[in-house]
Amino acid sequence: MRKTSFLSLLISFILFIVFSPIFIRLVAYLHPIVFAVIMFGIVCFVFVGILFIRKETINLSLPFFVGLLVLYTIALLILLFFRPSEQSYNSMNLQPFSTISFYLSGKVNGLIAFYNLAANVCLFIPYGIYIGLKSYSLLKAFLVPLVIIAFIEVLQFVTHRGSLDIDDLILNLFGVILGHLLFPIFKKIIIVSSKN
């Protein structure tokens, strides 16, 4: 396990350095915590990938997993609500897929388009994995994230810290669903136990 951890950190660090010019541009667009969120995501993805390739597993307690998810959520909320003050957010889009179509049209910077689409999906995958751990019913697995994400969208709009966009809701929900679909693979690699 020590070799896997070292290899994961080494590969993650190399990937972070290689792509740092892109991440630096994102920091100018968003909040410096984007570095921490991206690095956390890279380390998790690489670590799970190496565990999968080496056919290894890791045991985590549920409280430890939830603690990581809480820290991740705090970082995500900072990313969502504490953007550069010179950016103004007061737009509203209630037409499904119009923003997604705009980003895919090529009329906006490719990096910003990719970040907005990919981040809105990928950043919510951990919540789908958590839902898989909790064994929610299908209805609850859909309604709980729908209500929470809708509340965040409205709150961003009301506080002028983000736009109210139904496409964000669609992409975030897709991320949760994707995380739920990936849960069977996740549980073969990371065994989360309710015992401490």
Protein backbone atom coordinates (compact mmCIF):
# COMPACT_ATOMS: atom_id res chain seq x y z
CA MET A 1 0.00 0.00 0.00
CA ARG A 2 2.92 2.34 0.73
CA LYS A 3 4.19 1.85 -2.84
CA THR A 4 0.73 2.59 -4.26
CA SER A 5 0.43 5.75 -2.13
CA PHE A 6 3.88 6.99 -3.15
CA LEU A 7 3.22 6.25 -6.83
CA SER A 8 -0.16 8.01 -6.66
CA LEU A 9 1.32 11.14 -5.10
CA LEU A 10 4.21 11.18 -7.57
CA ILE A 11 1.96 10.83 -10.64
CA SER A 12 -0.52 13.38 -9.22
CA PHE A 13 2.27 15.89 -8.57
CA ILE A 14 3.63 15.42 -12.11
CA LEU A 15 0.16 15.87 -13.63
CA PHE A 16 -0.43 18.95 -11.50
CA ILE A 17 2.89 20.51 -12.61
CA VAL A 18 2.30 19.67 -16.28
CA PHE A 19 -1.17 21.23 -16.27
CA SER A 20 -0.38 24.09 -13.86
CA PRO A 21 -0.42 26.76 -16.61
CA ILE A 22 -4.08 25.85 -17.21
CA PHE A 23 -4.86 25.78 -13.48
CA ILE A 24 -3.26 29.23 -13.03
CA ARG A 25 -5.63 30.63 -15.68
CA LEU A 26 -8.56 29.05 -13.84
CA VAL A 27 -7.50 30.69 -10.56
CA ALA A 28 -7.76 34.10 -12.25
CA TYR A 29 -11.28 33.17 -13.34
CA LEU A 30 -12.35 31.60 -10.04
CA HIS A 31 -10.92 31.33 -6.51
CA PRO A 32 -7.42 30.17 -5.42
CA ILE A 33 -9.04 27.19 -3.68
CA VAL A 34 -9.49 25.76 -7.18
CA PHE A 35 -5.88 24.56 -6.79
CA ALA A 36 -6.81 22.52 -3.71
CA VAL A 37 -9.98 21.13 -5.28
CA ILE A 38 -8.18 20.14 -8.49
CA MET A 39 -5.24 18.62 -6.61
CA PHE A 40 -7.62 16.66 -4.36
CA GLY A 41 -9.49 15.40 -7.43
CA ILE A 42 -6.30 14.40 -9.25
CA VAL A 43 -4.90 12.56 -6.21
CA CYS A 44 -8.18 10.68 -5.65
CA PHE A 45 -8.56 9.77 -9.32
CA VAL A 46 -4.95 8.59 -9.67
CA PHE A 47 -5.01 6.72 -6.35
CA VAL A 48 -8.22 4.85 -7.21
CA GLY A 49 -6.90 4.17 -10.74
CA ILE A 50 -3.66 2.67 -9.42
CA LEU A 51 -5.55 0.59 -6.85
CA PHE A 52 -7.78 -0.69 -9.67
CA ILE A 53 -4.83 -1.52 -11.96
CA ARG A 54 -2.91 -3.26 -9.15
CA LYS A 55 -6.10 -5.04 -7.98
CA GLU A 56 -5.64 -3.69 -4.46
CA THR A 57 -8.25 -2.46 -2.00
CA ILE A 58 -8.24 0.04 0.83
CA ASN A 59 -10.43 0.11 3.94
CA LEU A 60 -11.91 3.36 5.19
CA SER A 61 -14.25 3.96 8.09
CA LEU A 62 -17.53 5.68 7.25
CA PRO A 63 -16.76 8.60 9.63
CA PHE A 64 -13.40 9.15 7.88
CA PHE A 65 -15.07 9.06 4.45
CA VAL A 66 -17.78 11.48 5.62
CA GLY A 67 -15.08 13.74 7.11
CA LEU A 68 -13.31 13.86 3.73
CA LEU A 69 -16.63 14.61 2.03
CA VAL A 70 -17.34 17.45 4.50
CA LEU A 71 -13.91 19.03 3.82
CA TYR A 72 -14.51 18.60 0.09
CA THR A 73 -17.95 20.23 0.42
CA ILE A 74 -16.49 23.22 2.28
CA ALA A 75 -13.90 23.70 -0.49
CA LEU A 76 -16.65 23.36 -3.12
CA LEU A 77 -18.86 25.95 -1.38
CA ILE A 78 -15.92 28.36 -1.24
CA LEU A 79 -15.40 27.76 -4.96
CA LEU A 80 -19.10 28.40 -5.64
CA PHE A 81 -19.65 31.45 -3.44
CA PHE A 82 -16.30 33.26 -3.12
CA ARG A 83 -15.30 34.16 -6.64
CA PRO A 84 -13.34 37.27 -7.64
CA SER A 85 -15.32 40.34 -6.54
CA GLU A 86 -14.98 42.08 -9.90
CA GLN A 87 -17.11 39.39 -11.53
CA SER A 88 -20.80 40.23 -11.67
CA TYR A 89 -23.45 37.52 -11.59
CA ASN A 90 -27.06 38.44 -12.15
CA SER A 91 -28.14 36.29 -15.07
CA MET A 92 -30.84 33.65 -15.12
CA ASN A 93 -31.37 30.82 -17.58
CA LEU A 94 -34.41 28.58 -17.27
CA GLN A 95 -34.20 27.13 -20.79
CA PRO A 96 -32.70 23.63 -20.62
CA PHE A 97 -29.51 22.98 -22.63
CA SER A 98 -29.09 26.57 -23.89
CA THR A 99 -25.95 27.24 -21.82
CA ILE A 100 -24.56 23.78 -22.64
CA SER A 101 -25.17 24.47 -26.36
CA PHE A 102 -23.48 27.85 -26.05
CA TYR A 103 -20.35 26.30 -24.47
CA LEU A 104 -20.25 23.63 -27.18
CA SER A 105 -20.73 26.19 -30.00
CA GLY A 106 -17.14 27.42 -29.92
CA LYS A 107 -18.18 31.01 -29.18
CA VAL A 108 -16.46 30.99 -25.79
CA ASN A 109 -12.87 30.31 -24.72
CA GLY A 110 -12.27 26.54 -24.95
CA LEU A 111 -10.70 26.28 -21.49
CA ILE A 112 -13.59 28.10 -19.83
CA ALA A 113 -16.14 26.02 -21.75
CA PHE A 114 -14.42 22.75 -20.84
CA TYR A 115 -14.02 23.76 -17.20
CA ASN A 116 -17.66 24.82 -16.84
CA LEU A 117 -19.03 21.66 -18.42
CA ALA A 118 -16.59 19.16 -16.90
CA ALA A 119 -16.50 20.75 -13.45
CA ASN A 120 -20.28 20.93 -13.19
CA VAL A 121 -20.36 17.16 -13.75
CA CYS A 122 -17.16 15.88 -12.11
CA LEU A 123 -17.34 17.94 -8.92
CA PHE A 124 -20.62 16.23 -7.97
CA ILE A 125 -19.53 12.61 -8.58
CA PRO A 126 -18.49 12.12 -4.90
CA TYR A 127 -22.07 12.82 -3.80
CA GLY A 128 -23.35 10.04 -6.05
CA ILE A 129 -20.84 7.68 -4.44
CA TYR A 130 -22.05 8.78 -1.00
CA ILE A 131 -25.65 8.10 -2.04
CA GLY A 132 -24.54 4.62 -3.10
CA LEU A 133 -23.01 4.09 0.35
CA LYS A 134 -26.24 5.15 2.04
CA SER A 135 -28.37 2.81 -0.12
CA TYR A 136 -31.05 5.44 -0.72
CA SER A 137 -34.18 4.50 -2.64
CA LEU A 138 -34.20 5.58 -6.28
CA LEU A 139 -36.65 8.39 -5.54
CA LYS A 140 -34.66 9.70 -2.57
CA ALA A 141 -31.39 9.34 -4.52
CA PHE A 142 -32.83 11.70 -7.13
CA LEU A 143 -34.89 14.12 -5.02
CA VAL A 144 -32.31 14.90 -2.28
CA PRO A 145 -29.58 16.10 -4.69
CA LEU A 146 -32.19 17.86 -6.87
CA VAL A 147 -33.47 19.94 -3.93
CA ILE A 148 -29.97 20.70 -2.56
CA ILE A 149 -28.54 21.70 -5.95
CA ALA A 150 -31.61 23.82 -6.78
CA PHE A 151 -31.24 25.56 -3.40
CA ILE A 152 -27.54 26.29 -4.11
CA GLU A 153 -28.40 27.68 -7.56
CA VAL A 154 -31.06 30.00 -6.13
CA LEU A 155 -28.77 31.06 -3.28
CA GLN A 156 -25.95 31.90 -5.71
CA PHE A 157 -28.36 34.07 -7.71
CA VAL A 158 -29.86 35.82 -4.67
CA THR A 159 -26.41 36.58 -3.21
CA HIS A 160 -25.02 37.58 -6.65
CA ARG A 161 -22.27 34.96 -6.29
CA GLY A 162 -23.36 32.96 -9.33
CA SER A 163 -25.96 32.80 -12.04
CA LEU A 164 -29.18 30.83 -11.79
CA ASP A 165 -28.88 28.29 -14.59
CA ILE A 166 -30.98 25.18 -15.10
CA ASP A 167 -28.10 23.71 -17.12
CA ASP A 168 -25.91 23.81 -14.02
CA LEU A 169 -28.62 21.86 -12.22
CA ILE A 170 -28.78 19.33 -15.08
CA LEU A 171 -24.98 18.90 -15.20
CA ASN A 172 -24.67 18.66 -11.39
CA LEU A 173 -27.42 16.03 -11.26
CA PHE A 174 -25.71 14.13 -14.08
CA GLY A 175 -22.53 14.15 -11.95
CA VAL A 176 -24.43 12.71 -8.97
CA ILE A 177 -26.00 10.04 -11.20
CA LEU A 178 -22.59 9.23 -12.71
CA GLY A 179 -21.13 8.85 -9.22
CA HIS A 180 -23.99 6.51 -8.32
CA LEU A 181 -23.36 4.47 -11.48
CA LEU A 182 -19.63 4.28 -10.65
CA PHE A 183 -20.36 3.15 -7.08
CA PRO A 184 -20.16 -0.61 -7.88
CA ILE A 185 -16.59 -0.08 -9.16
CA PHE A 186 -15.75 2.19 -6.23
CA LYS A 187 -16.86 -0.35 -3.61
CA LYS A 188 -14.61 -3.03 -5.14
CA ILE A 189 -11.60 -0.76 -4.59
CA ILE A 190 -12.49 1.24 -1.48
CA ILE A 191 -14.26 -0.67 1.26
CA VAL A 192 -16.11 1.75 3.53
CA SER A 193 -17.05 0.28 6.87
CA SER A 194 -19.47 1.80 9.36
CA LYS A 195 -17.08 0.73 12.14
CA ASN A 196 -14.43 3.21 13.31
